[in-house]
Amino acid sequence: MTYDSLLVDVRRYLERGFTQESDQIVYDQLPRLVTLGERRIARELKIQGFIRAVTTPLSIGVAVYLKPDRWRDTISMTVTGSPIFARSYEYCRSYWPNEAETGAPQFYADYDFQHWLITPTPVAASTLEILYYEQPALLGDDLQTNWLTEYAPDLLLYATLLEASPFLKNDDRVGMWQAMYDRSAKALSGEDLGRIMDRSANRSEA
């Protein structure tokens, strides 16, 4: 599947929006509906395909760090191989109230949607490794494929159709698209669970 072929499929399912001249409102809205479908999937599913790992340097005396583009949820953090643990913002501030003082990092919290707070404030330069769920890069004319088009094209199609039904006031079709979306999402989540169980079995046998 590509972005262009997805638009063709959606138009065929909806029987609308084939040309701008004949159906301008639907034709113009379809790219937005695809984006809404992508965002729905990333919001509702936590699957292996959305996991990313990044590293960033920790600087002496700096407690607040920028999150990666398209970050959605943090899985774990380690500092030079040792884990630090998620806590609430209030806990971190109570645990280390003076940001100017430094120590070995133990905890992290969401400072806001775009930043993390690390406590204690790092006492030495080191490397922070972050594992997180991301919003895959959104499709468009300049980005024809992403993880969803490669590995979950049916889910992406049904998510787009699900977003389209209320827009077109086809409320009688919402239930059908929802059921097909749910079935595809369940199958994809099941594949992830199977991989986890396989890895666990392999470790047990080692």
N, C-alpha and C. Protein backbone atom coordinates (compact mmCIF):
# COMPACT_ATOMS: atom_id res chain seq x y z
N MET A 1 0.84 -1.20 0.00
CA MET A 1 0.00 0.00 0.00
C MET A 1 0.87 1.25 0.00
N THR A 2 0.45 2.28 -0.70
CA THR A 2 1.04 3.61 -0.64
C THR A 2 -0.05 4.60 -0.26
N TYR A 3 0.35 5.82 0.04
CA TYR A 3 -0.62 6.86 0.35
C TYR A 3 -1.60 7.05 -0.80
N ASP A 4 -1.09 7.09 -2.03
CA ASP A 4 -1.96 7.28 -3.19
C ASP A 4 -2.93 6.12 -3.37
N SER A 5 -2.43 4.89 -3.20
CA SER A 5 -3.32 3.73 -3.36
C SER A 5 -4.35 3.67 -2.23
N LEU A 6 -3.98 4.13 -1.03
CA LEU A 6 -4.94 4.19 0.07
C LEU A 6 -6.09 5.13 -0.28
N LEU A 7 -5.76 6.29 -0.83
CA LEU A 7 -6.82 7.23 -1.22
C LEU A 7 -7.74 6.62 -2.27
N VAL A 8 -7.16 5.89 -3.21
CA VAL A 8 -7.98 5.21 -4.22
C VAL A 8 -8.92 4.21 -3.56
N ASP A 9 -8.39 3.40 -2.64
CA ASP A 9 -9.22 2.40 -1.96
C ASP A 9 -10.33 3.05 -1.15
N VAL A 10 -10.01 4.12 -0.44
CA VAL A 10 -11.03 4.80 0.37
C VAL A 10 -12.14 5.34 -0.52
N ARG A 11 -11.77 5.94 -1.63
CA ARG A 11 -12.80 6.46 -2.56
C ARG A 11 -13.70 5.35 -3.08
N ARG A 12 -13.12 4.21 -3.35
CA ARG A 12 -13.91 3.09 -3.85
C ARG A 12 -14.86 2.57 -2.79
N TYR A 13 -14.39 2.47 -1.55
CA TYR A 13 -15.26 2.01 -0.46
C TYR A 13 -16.38 3.01 -0.21
N LEU A 14 -16.04 4.29 -0.22
CA LEU A 14 -17.04 5.33 0.07
C LEU A 14 -17.92 5.64 -1.14
N GLU A 15 -17.40 5.33 -2.33
CA GLU A 15 -18.06 5.71 -3.58
C GLU A 15 -18.27 7.22 -3.63
N ARG A 16 -17.26 7.94 -3.19
CA ARG A 16 -17.29 9.40 -3.13
C ARG A 16 -15.89 9.94 -3.36
N GLY A 17 -15.81 11.19 -3.77
CA GLY A 17 -14.55 11.92 -3.80
C GLY A 17 -13.58 11.52 -4.88
N PHE A 18 -14.07 11.02 -6.02
CA PHE A 18 -13.17 10.55 -7.06
C PHE A 18 -12.43 11.70 -7.75
N THR A 19 -13.08 12.83 -7.93
CA THR A 19 -12.43 13.99 -8.54
C THR A 19 -12.80 15.24 -7.77
N GLN A 20 -11.94 16.23 -7.83
CA GLN A 20 -12.21 17.49 -7.15
C GLN A 20 -13.38 18.22 -7.79
N GLU A 21 -13.50 18.08 -9.10
CA GLU A 21 -14.55 18.79 -9.81
C GLU A 21 -15.94 18.26 -9.46
N SER A 22 -16.06 16.94 -9.31
CA SER A 22 -17.38 16.35 -9.08
C SER A 22 -17.77 16.29 -7.61
N ASP A 23 -16.79 16.30 -6.68
CA ASP A 23 -17.10 16.10 -5.26
C ASP A 23 -16.01 16.77 -4.44
N GLN A 24 -15.94 18.10 -4.53
CA GLN A 24 -14.80 18.82 -3.98
C GLN A 24 -14.67 18.66 -2.46
N ILE A 25 -15.77 18.70 -1.73
CA ILE A 25 -15.70 18.65 -0.27
C ILE A 25 -15.06 17.34 0.19
N VAL A 26 -15.54 16.21 -0.32
CA VAL A 26 -15.00 14.91 0.08
C VAL A 26 -13.58 14.74 -0.45
N TYR A 27 -13.34 15.14 -1.69
CA TYR A 27 -12.01 15.02 -2.29
C TYR A 27 -10.97 15.76 -1.44
N ASP A 28 -11.31 16.97 -1.01
CA ASP A 28 -10.38 17.77 -0.23
C ASP A 28 -10.22 17.23 1.20
N GLN A 29 -11.26 16.56 1.72
CA GLN A 29 -11.23 16.10 3.10
C GLN A 29 -10.48 14.78 3.28
N LEU A 30 -10.37 13.97 2.24
CA LEU A 30 -9.80 12.63 2.39
C LEU A 30 -8.39 12.62 2.98
N PRO A 31 -7.48 13.50 2.58
CA PRO A 31 -6.15 13.49 3.22
C PRO A 31 -6.23 13.74 4.73
N ARG A 32 -7.15 14.60 5.16
CA ARG A 32 -7.30 14.86 6.59
C ARG A 32 -7.84 13.63 7.31
N LEU A 33 -8.74 12.90 6.64
CA LEU A 33 -9.30 11.69 7.25
C LEU A 33 -8.23 10.61 7.40
N VAL A 34 -7.32 10.51 6.45
CA VAL A 34 -6.20 9.58 6.57
C VAL A 34 -5.35 9.95 7.79
N THR A 35 -5.05 11.23 7.95
CA THR A 35 -4.27 11.69 9.10
C THR A 35 -4.97 11.38 10.41
N LEU A 36 -6.29 11.60 10.46
CA LEU A 36 -7.04 11.28 11.67
C LEU A 36 -7.00 9.78 11.96
N GLY A 37 -7.07 8.96 10.91
CA GLY A 37 -6.97 7.52 11.09
C GLY A 37 -5.61 7.11 11.64
N GLU A 38 -4.55 7.70 11.11
CA GLU A 38 -3.20 7.40 11.61
C GLU A 38 -3.06 7.79 13.08
N ARG A 39 -3.57 8.94 13.43
CA ARG A 39 -3.47 9.40 14.81
C ARG A 39 -4.31 8.53 15.74
N ARG A 40 -5.45 8.07 15.28
CA ARG A 40 -6.28 7.17 16.08
C ARG A 40 -5.50 5.89 16.41
N ILE A 41 -4.88 5.31 15.41
CA ILE A 41 -4.13 4.06 15.61
C ILE A 41 -3.01 4.26 16.62
N ALA A 42 -2.23 5.32 16.44
CA ALA A 42 -1.10 5.57 17.34
C ALA A 42 -1.57 5.85 18.76
N ARG A 43 -2.74 6.47 18.88
CA ARG A 43 -3.28 6.79 20.20
C ARG A 43 -3.81 5.54 20.91
N GLU A 44 -4.40 4.62 20.15
CA GLU A 44 -5.10 3.48 20.75
C GLU A 44 -4.25 2.22 20.87
N LEU A 45 -3.20 2.08 20.06
CA LEU A 45 -2.42 0.85 20.06
C LEU A 45 -0.99 1.12 20.52
N LYS A 46 -0.49 0.25 21.38
CA LYS A 46 0.91 0.26 21.77
C LYS A 46 1.51 -1.05 21.29
N ILE A 47 2.14 -0.99 20.13
CA ILE A 47 2.66 -2.18 19.46
C ILE A 47 4.13 -1.98 19.12
N GLN A 48 4.78 -3.10 18.82
CA GLN A 48 6.22 -3.08 18.60
C GLN A 48 6.63 -2.13 17.48
N GLY A 49 5.80 -2.04 16.46
CA GLY A 49 6.16 -1.20 15.32
C GLY A 49 6.25 0.27 15.63
N PHE A 50 5.67 0.69 16.77
CA PHE A 50 5.69 2.10 17.15
C PHE A 50 6.79 2.40 18.16
N ILE A 51 7.61 1.41 18.53
CA ILE A 51 8.64 1.61 19.53
C ILE A 51 9.92 2.14 18.88
N ARG A 52 10.49 3.15 19.49
CA ARG A 52 11.76 3.70 19.03
C ARG A 52 12.71 3.84 20.22
N ALA A 53 14.00 3.76 19.93
CA ALA A 53 15.04 3.97 20.94
C ALA A 53 15.95 5.11 20.49
N VAL A 54 16.21 6.02 21.39
CA VAL A 54 17.13 7.13 21.09
C VAL A 54 18.07 7.32 22.26
N THR A 55 19.21 7.92 22.01
CA THR A 55 20.13 8.31 23.07
C THR A 55 20.37 9.80 22.99
N THR A 56 20.60 10.39 24.16
CA THR A 56 20.89 11.82 24.22
C THR A 56 21.85 12.06 25.37
N PRO A 57 22.74 13.01 25.25
CA PRO A 57 23.68 13.26 26.35
C PRO A 57 23.00 13.96 27.53
N LEU A 58 23.33 13.52 28.73
CA LEU A 58 22.94 14.25 29.94
C LEU A 58 24.07 15.21 30.28
N SER A 59 23.70 16.43 30.57
CA SER A 59 24.70 17.47 30.86
C SER A 59 24.69 17.79 32.35
N ILE A 60 25.85 18.07 32.88
CA ILE A 60 25.98 18.42 34.28
C ILE A 60 25.12 19.65 34.59
N GLY A 61 24.27 19.53 35.61
CA GLY A 61 23.47 20.66 36.06
C GLY A 61 22.22 20.94 35.26
N VAL A 62 21.89 20.09 34.26
CA VAL A 62 20.70 20.30 33.44
C VAL A 62 19.67 19.23 33.79
N ALA A 63 18.47 19.66 34.21
CA ALA A 63 17.45 18.72 34.70
C ALA A 63 16.32 18.48 33.71
N VAL A 64 16.12 19.37 32.74
CA VAL A 64 14.98 19.28 31.83
C VAL A 64 15.49 18.98 30.42
N TYR A 65 14.86 17.98 29.77
CA TYR A 65 15.33 17.51 28.45
C TYR A 65 14.17 17.41 27.47
N LEU A 66 14.47 17.75 26.22
CA LEU A 66 13.46 17.77 25.16
C LEU A 66 13.12 16.34 24.72
N LYS A 67 11.82 16.06 24.55
CA LYS A 67 11.38 14.77 24.03
C LYS A 67 11.57 14.71 22.52
N PRO A 68 11.69 13.51 21.95
CA PRO A 68 11.84 13.40 20.48
C PRO A 68 10.57 13.84 19.75
N ASP A 69 10.75 14.22 18.51
CA ASP A 69 9.59 14.50 17.65
C ASP A 69 8.69 13.27 17.60
N ARG A 70 7.40 13.49 17.61
CA ARG A 70 6.37 12.45 17.48
C ARG A 70 6.33 11.50 18.69
N TRP A 71 6.92 11.92 19.82
CA TRP A 71 6.81 11.13 21.05
C TRP A 71 5.35 11.03 21.47
N ARG A 72 4.97 9.83 21.95
CA ARG A 72 3.62 9.66 22.49
C ARG A 72 3.61 9.14 23.92
N ASP A 73 4.51 8.22 24.26
CA ASP A 73 4.52 7.68 25.62
C ASP A 73 5.89 7.06 25.88
N THR A 74 6.40 7.25 27.08
CA THR A 74 7.71 6.72 27.45
C THR A 74 7.58 5.29 27.96
N ILE A 75 8.48 4.41 27.52
CA ILE A 75 8.51 3.03 28.01
C ILE A 75 9.53 2.89 29.13
N SER A 76 10.77 3.33 28.89
CA SER A 76 11.81 3.19 29.91
C SER A 76 12.97 4.14 29.61
N MET A 77 13.79 4.34 30.63
CA MET A 77 15.01 5.12 30.48
C MET A 77 16.14 4.44 31.23
N THR A 78 17.34 4.54 30.67
CA THR A 78 18.54 4.09 31.37
C THR A 78 19.61 5.16 31.24
N VAL A 79 20.42 5.27 32.26
CA VAL A 79 21.55 6.20 32.25
C VAL A 79 22.83 5.38 32.30
N THR A 80 23.56 5.39 31.18
CA THR A 80 24.79 4.60 31.05
C THR A 80 24.55 3.16 31.49
N GLY A 81 23.44 2.59 31.02
CA GLY A 81 23.14 1.19 31.27
C GLY A 81 22.35 0.88 32.53
N SER A 82 22.18 1.83 33.42
CA SER A 82 21.43 1.60 34.66
C SER A 82 20.05 2.25 34.56
N PRO A 83 18.99 1.52 34.92
CA PRO A 83 17.64 2.08 34.76
C PRO A 83 17.37 3.20 35.75
N ILE A 84 16.62 4.19 35.29
CA ILE A 84 16.00 5.16 36.18
C ILE A 84 14.49 4.97 36.06
N PHE A 85 13.72 5.43 37.03
CA PHE A 85 12.35 4.98 37.17
C PHE A 85 11.35 6.13 37.03
N ALA A 86 10.19 5.81 36.43
CA ALA A 86 9.14 6.81 36.22
C ALA A 86 8.46 7.14 37.54
N ARG A 87 8.28 8.42 37.77
CA ARG A 87 7.55 8.92 38.92
C ARG A 87 6.72 10.13 38.49
N SER A 88 5.82 10.55 39.33
CA SER A 88 5.04 11.74 39.02
C SER A 88 5.93 12.99 39.11
N TYR A 89 5.50 14.05 38.45
CA TYR A 89 6.23 15.32 38.52
C TYR A 89 6.34 15.78 39.97
N GLU A 90 5.23 15.66 40.72
CA GLU A 90 5.21 16.11 42.11
C GLU A 90 6.20 15.31 42.96
N TYR A 91 6.27 14.00 42.70
CA TYR A 91 7.22 13.17 43.45
C TYR A 91 8.65 13.63 43.19
N CYS A 92 8.97 13.85 41.91
CA CYS A 92 10.34 14.24 41.56
C CYS A 92 10.71 15.58 42.19
N ARG A 93 9.78 16.53 42.19
CA ARG A 93 10.07 17.84 42.79
C ARG A 93 10.23 17.72 44.31
N SER A 94 9.42 16.85 44.92
CA SER A 94 9.54 16.65 46.36
C SER A 94 10.84 15.93 46.71
N TYR A 95 11.21 14.94 45.88
CA TYR A 95 12.43 14.17 46.13
C TYR A 95 13.67 15.03 45.98
N TRP A 96 13.66 15.95 44.99
CA TRP A 96 14.84 16.78 44.71
C TRP A 96 14.38 18.22 44.48
N PRO A 97 14.05 18.92 45.56
CA PRO A 97 13.43 20.25 45.40
C PRO A 97 14.36 21.32 44.85
N ASN A 98 15.64 21.19 45.07
CA ASN A 98 16.58 22.22 44.60
C ASN A 98 17.24 21.73 43.32
N GLU A 99 16.77 22.23 42.20
CA GLU A 99 17.28 21.78 40.90
C GLU A 99 18.74 22.13 40.71
N ALA A 100 19.24 23.13 41.44
CA ALA A 100 20.64 23.54 41.30
C ALA A 100 21.59 22.52 41.92
N GLU A 101 21.11 21.71 42.85
CA GLU A 101 21.96 20.68 43.43
C GLU A 101 22.01 19.48 42.48
N THR A 102 23.12 18.76 42.51
CA THR A 102 23.30 17.65 41.57
C THR A 102 23.51 16.33 42.30
N GLY A 103 23.25 15.24 41.56
CA GLY A 103 23.43 13.90 42.10
C GLY A 103 23.30 12.89 40.98
N ALA A 104 23.32 11.62 41.32
CA ALA A 104 23.15 10.56 40.32
C ALA A 104 21.67 10.42 39.98
N PRO A 105 21.26 10.54 38.70
CA PRO A 105 19.85 10.45 38.34
C PRO A 105 19.21 9.14 38.79
N GLN A 106 18.01 9.24 39.34
CA GLN A 106 17.26 8.09 39.82
C GLN A 106 15.87 7.99 39.20
N PHE A 107 15.26 9.14 38.88
CA PHE A 107 13.86 9.16 38.46
C PHE A 107 13.68 10.12 37.28
N TYR A 108 12.55 9.92 36.58
CA TYR A 108 12.15 10.87 35.54
C TYR A 108 10.65 11.07 35.60
N ALA A 109 10.21 12.21 35.06
CA ALA A 109 8.78 12.52 35.01
C ALA A 109 8.51 13.38 33.78
N ASP A 110 7.25 13.42 33.35
CA ASP A 110 6.86 14.35 32.30
C ASP A 110 6.84 15.76 32.89
N TYR A 111 7.68 16.62 32.34
CA TYR A 111 7.68 18.03 32.77
C TYR A 111 6.52 18.75 32.10
N ASP A 112 6.35 18.50 30.80
CA ASP A 112 5.18 18.88 30.03
C ASP A 112 5.14 17.96 28.83
N PHE A 113 4.30 18.24 27.84
CA PHE A 113 4.18 17.31 26.72
C PHE A 113 5.46 17.22 25.90
N GLN A 114 6.32 18.22 25.96
CA GLN A 114 7.52 18.25 25.13
C GLN A 114 8.82 18.03 25.89
N HIS A 115 8.77 17.91 27.22
CA HIS A 115 10.00 17.81 28.01
C HIS A 115 9.87 16.77 29.13
N TRP A 116 11.03 16.21 29.53
CA TRP A 116 11.13 15.39 30.72
C TRP A 116 11.89 16.15 31.81
N LEU A 117 11.62 15.77 33.05
CA LEU A 117 12.39 16.22 34.20
C LEU A 117 13.18 15.03 34.73
N ILE A 118 14.48 15.20 34.89
CA ILE A 118 15.35 14.15 35.44
C ILE A 118 15.78 14.57 36.84
N THR A 119 15.63 13.65 37.81
CA THR A 119 16.06 13.96 39.18
C THR A 119 16.85 12.77 39.75
N PRO A 120 17.84 13.05 40.57
CA PRO A 120 18.47 14.35 40.81
C PRO A 120 19.04 14.97 39.51
N THR A 121 19.25 16.24 39.54
CA THR A 121 19.91 16.91 38.42
C THR A 121 21.28 16.26 38.22
N PRO A 122 21.61 15.86 36.99
CA PRO A 122 22.84 15.09 36.75
C PRO A 122 24.09 15.77 37.31
N VAL A 123 24.89 14.95 37.99
CA VAL A 123 26.14 15.43 38.58
C VAL A 123 27.31 15.23 37.64
N ALA A 124 27.12 14.37 36.61
CA ALA A 124 28.21 14.08 35.67
C ALA A 124 27.64 13.92 34.27
N ALA A 125 28.45 14.20 33.27
CA ALA A 125 28.05 13.98 31.89
C ALA A 125 27.91 12.48 31.65
N SER A 126 26.81 12.07 31.01
CA SER A 126 26.57 10.65 30.76
C SER A 126 25.61 10.53 29.58
N THR A 127 25.18 9.30 29.30
CA THR A 127 24.29 9.06 28.16
C THR A 127 22.95 8.54 28.64
N LEU A 128 21.88 9.18 28.20
CA LEU A 128 20.52 8.75 28.51
C LEU A 128 19.96 7.99 27.31
N GLU A 129 19.53 6.75 27.54
CA GLU A 129 18.86 5.98 26.49
C GLU A 129 17.37 5.91 26.82
N ILE A 130 16.55 6.22 25.82
CA ILE A 130 15.11 6.31 26.02
C ILE A 130 14.41 5.36 25.05
N LEU A 131 13.51 4.56 25.57
CA LEU A 131 12.65 3.70 24.77
C LEU A 131 11.24 4.29 24.86
N TYR A 132 10.61 4.54 23.71
CA TYR A 132 9.32 5.22 23.73
C TYR A 132 8.45 4.81 22.54
N TYR A 133 7.15 5.06 22.68
CA TYR A 133 6.22 4.89 21.58
C TYR A 133 6.12 6.21 20.82
N GLU A 134 6.15 6.11 19.49
CA GLU A 134 6.07 7.31 18.68
C GLU A 134 4.82 7.30 17.80
N GLN A 135 4.45 8.48 17.36
CA GLN A 135 3.47 8.62 16.29
C GLN A 135 4.24 8.48 14.97
N PRO A 136 3.97 7.42 14.18
CA PRO A 136 4.70 7.29 12.92
C PRO A 136 4.55 8.55 12.05
N ALA A 137 5.55 8.82 11.25
CA ALA A 137 5.50 9.96 10.34
C ALA A 137 4.23 9.89 9.51
N LEU A 138 3.51 11.00 9.43
CA LEU A 138 2.21 11.03 8.78
C LEU A 138 2.35 10.99 7.26
N LEU A 139 1.48 10.22 6.64
CA LEU A 139 1.49 10.07 5.19
C LEU A 139 1.06 11.35 4.49
N GLY A 140 1.50 11.51 3.26
CA GLY A 140 1.11 12.63 2.42
C GLY A 140 1.71 12.46 1.04
N ASP A 141 1.52 13.44 0.20
CA ASP A 141 2.06 13.35 -1.15
C ASP A 141 3.57 13.15 -1.15
N ASP A 142 4.24 13.72 -0.15
CA ASP A 142 5.71 13.63 -0.08
C ASP A 142 6.19 12.47 0.78
N LEU A 143 5.27 11.71 1.37
CA LEU A 143 5.63 10.51 2.15
C LEU A 143 4.61 9.43 1.83
N GLN A 144 4.96 8.56 0.90
CA GLN A 144 4.00 7.59 0.37
C GLN A 144 3.85 6.35 1.24
N THR A 145 4.85 6.03 2.05
CA THR A 145 4.78 4.82 2.87
C THR A 145 5.30 5.11 4.28
N ASN A 146 4.79 4.35 5.23
CA ASN A 146 5.33 4.34 6.58
C ASN A 146 5.09 2.95 7.17
N TRP A 147 5.29 2.79 8.47
CA TRP A 147 5.16 1.46 9.07
C TRP A 147 3.76 0.89 8.85
N LEU A 148 2.75 1.71 8.93
CA LEU A 148 1.38 1.23 8.79
C LEU A 148 1.09 0.73 7.38
N THR A 149 1.55 1.43 6.36
CA THR A 149 1.30 0.96 5.00
C THR A 149 2.04 -0.33 4.71
N GLU A 150 3.18 -0.53 5.38
CA GLU A 150 3.98 -1.72 5.14
C GLU A 150 3.45 -2.94 5.89
N TYR A 151 3.02 -2.74 7.16
CA TYR A 151 2.72 -3.88 8.03
C TYR A 151 1.26 -3.96 8.49
N ALA A 152 0.51 -2.89 8.36
CA ALA A 152 -0.89 -2.92 8.80
C ALA A 152 -1.78 -2.12 7.86
N PRO A 153 -1.74 -2.43 6.55
CA PRO A 153 -2.54 -1.64 5.60
C PRO A 153 -4.04 -1.77 5.83
N ASP A 154 -4.50 -2.96 6.25
CA ASP A 154 -5.93 -3.13 6.49
C ASP A 154 -6.39 -2.28 7.66
N LEU A 155 -5.59 -2.23 8.72
CA LEU A 155 -5.93 -1.41 9.88
C LEU A 155 -6.01 0.07 9.50
N LEU A 156 -5.08 0.52 8.69
CA LEU A 156 -5.07 1.92 8.26
C LEU A 156 -6.29 2.23 7.39
N LEU A 157 -6.66 1.31 6.52
CA LEU A 157 -7.85 1.51 5.68
C LEU A 157 -9.09 1.63 6.55
N TYR A 158 -9.27 0.70 7.48
CA TYR A 158 -10.48 0.72 8.31
C TYR A 158 -10.51 1.92 9.24
N ALA A 159 -9.35 2.35 9.72
CA ALA A 159 -9.30 3.54 10.57
C ALA A 159 -9.74 4.78 9.78
N THR A 160 -9.30 4.87 8.52
CA THR A 160 -9.68 6.00 7.68
C THR A 160 -11.18 5.98 7.39
N LEU A 161 -11.71 4.80 7.07
CA LEU A 161 -13.14 4.68 6.80
C LEU A 161 -13.97 4.99 8.05
N LEU A 162 -13.44 4.60 9.20
CA LEU A 162 -14.12 4.88 10.46
C LEU A 162 -14.19 6.39 10.72
N GLU A 163 -13.12 7.09 10.37
CA GLU A 163 -13.12 8.55 10.51
C GLU A 163 -14.03 9.20 9.48
N ALA A 164 -14.17 8.58 8.31
CA ALA A 164 -14.96 9.16 7.22
C ALA A 164 -16.46 9.06 7.47
N SER A 165 -16.91 8.01 8.14
CA SER A 165 -18.35 7.76 8.26
C SER A 165 -19.10 8.90 8.96
N PRO A 166 -18.64 9.38 10.11
CA PRO A 166 -19.35 10.52 10.72
C PRO A 166 -19.31 11.77 9.85
N PHE A 167 -18.18 11.98 9.17
CA PHE A 167 -18.06 13.15 8.30
C PHE A 167 -19.11 13.10 7.18
N LEU A 168 -19.32 11.91 6.64
CA LEU A 168 -20.28 11.74 5.55
C LEU A 168 -21.70 11.48 6.07
N LYS A 169 -21.84 11.45 7.40
CA LYS A 169 -23.13 11.18 8.04
C LYS A 169 -23.65 9.79 7.69
N ASN A 170 -22.70 8.85 7.46
CA ASN A 170 -23.07 7.45 7.23
C ASN A 170 -23.00 6.69 8.56
N ASP A 171 -23.84 7.10 9.49
CA ASP A 171 -23.76 6.52 10.83
C ASP A 171 -24.06 5.03 10.84
N ASP A 172 -24.82 4.55 9.85
CA ASP A 172 -25.14 3.13 9.82
C ASP A 172 -23.93 2.27 9.48
N ARG A 173 -22.86 2.87 8.97
CA ARG A 173 -21.66 2.12 8.62
C ARG A 173 -20.57 2.19 9.68
N VAL A 174 -20.77 3.04 10.68
CA VAL A 174 -19.76 3.17 11.73
C VAL A 174 -19.52 1.84 12.43
N GLY A 175 -20.61 1.14 12.76
CA GLY A 175 -20.48 -0.14 13.45
C GLY A 175 -19.69 -1.16 12.64
N MET A 176 -19.92 -1.19 11.33
CA MET A 176 -19.21 -2.14 10.48
C MET A 176 -17.72 -1.82 10.43
N TRP A 177 -17.37 -0.54 10.21
CA TRP A 177 -15.96 -0.18 10.14
C TRP A 177 -15.30 -0.36 11.50
N GLN A 178 -16.02 -0.09 12.58
CA GLN A 178 -15.46 -0.27 13.92
C GLN A 178 -15.14 -1.73 14.17
N ALA A 179 -16.05 -2.64 13.76
CA ALA A 179 -15.81 -4.06 13.97
C ALA A 179 -14.60 -4.54 13.18
N MET A 180 -14.45 -4.06 11.96
CA MET A 180 -13.32 -4.47 11.13
C MET A 180 -12.02 -3.87 11.66
N TYR A 181 -12.10 -2.63 12.13
CA TYR A 181 -10.93 -2.00 12.74
C TYR A 181 -10.51 -2.77 13.99
N ASP A 182 -11.48 -3.09 14.85
CA ASP A 182 -11.18 -3.82 16.08
C ASP A 182 -10.56 -5.18 15.79
N ARG A 183 -11.08 -5.86 14.77
CA ARG A 183 -10.55 -7.19 14.41
C ARG A 183 -9.10 -7.08 13.95
N SER A 184 -8.81 -6.09 13.12
CA SER A 184 -7.43 -5.90 12.65
C SER A 184 -6.50 -5.50 13.78
N ALA A 185 -6.98 -4.62 14.67
CA ALA A 185 -6.16 -4.18 15.81
C ALA A 185 -5.88 -5.35 16.74
N LYS A 186 -6.88 -6.19 16.98
CA LYS A 186 -6.69 -7.35 17.84
C LYS A 186 -5.68 -8.32 17.24
N ALA A 187 -5.76 -8.53 15.93
CA ALA A 187 -4.81 -9.44 15.27
C ALA A 187 -3.40 -8.89 15.37
N LEU A 188 -3.24 -7.59 15.18
CA LEU A 188 -1.91 -6.98 15.25
C LEU A 188 -1.35 -7.06 16.67
N SER A 189 -2.19 -6.80 17.67
CA SER A 189 -1.76 -6.91 19.06
C SER A 189 -1.42 -8.35 19.41
N GLY A 190 -2.16 -9.29 18.83
CA GLY A 190 -1.88 -10.70 19.06
C GLY A 190 -0.54 -11.13 18.50
N GLU A 191 -0.18 -10.58 17.34
CA GLU A 191 1.14 -10.87 16.77
C GLU A 191 2.23 -10.37 17.71
N ASP A 192 2.05 -9.20 18.30
CA ASP A 192 3.03 -8.67 19.25
C ASP A 192 3.14 -9.57 20.46
N LEU A 193 1.99 -10.03 20.98
CA LEU A 193 2.00 -10.91 22.15
C LEU A 193 2.73 -12.21 21.82
N GLY A 194 2.51 -12.74 20.63
CA GLY A 194 3.18 -13.96 20.22
C GLY A 194 4.69 -13.79 20.18
N ARG A 195 5.17 -12.64 19.71
CA ARG A 195 6.61 -12.39 19.67
C ARG A 195 7.18 -12.33 21.09
N ILE A 196 6.45 -11.68 22.00
CA ILE A 196 6.91 -11.58 23.39
C ILE A 196 7.01 -12.97 24.01
N MET A 197 6.00 -13.81 23.78
CA MET A 197 6.00 -15.16 24.35
C MET A 197 7.12 -16.00 23.76
N ASP A 198 7.37 -15.84 22.46
CA ASP A 198 8.47 -16.57 21.82
C ASP A 198 9.81 -16.19 22.42
N ARG A 199 10.00 -14.89 22.64
CA ARG A 199 11.27 -14.44 23.24
C ARG A 199 11.42 -14.97 24.65
N SER A 200 10.32 -14.98 25.40
CA SER A 200 10.38 -15.50 26.78
C SER A 200 10.73 -16.98 26.78
N ALA A 201 10.14 -17.74 25.86
CA ALA A 201 10.43 -19.17 25.78
C ALA A 201 11.88 -19.41 25.39
N ASN A 202 12.40 -18.61 24.47
CA ASN A 202 13.79 -18.77 24.05
C ASN A 202 14.75 -18.48 25.20
N ARG A 203 14.42 -17.45 26.01
CA ARG A 203 15.28 -17.14 27.15
C ARG A 203 15.25 -18.26 28.18
N SER A 204 14.07 -18.87 28.35
CA SER A 204 13.95 -19.96 29.33
C SER A 204 14.76 -21.19 28.91
N GLU A 205 14.84 -21.41 27.59
CA GLU A 205 15.55 -22.57 27.09
C GLU A 205 17.06 -22.35 27.08
N ALA A 206 17.47 -21.10 27.08
CA ALA A 206 18.91 -20.79 26.99
C ALA A 206 19.65 -21.18 28.26
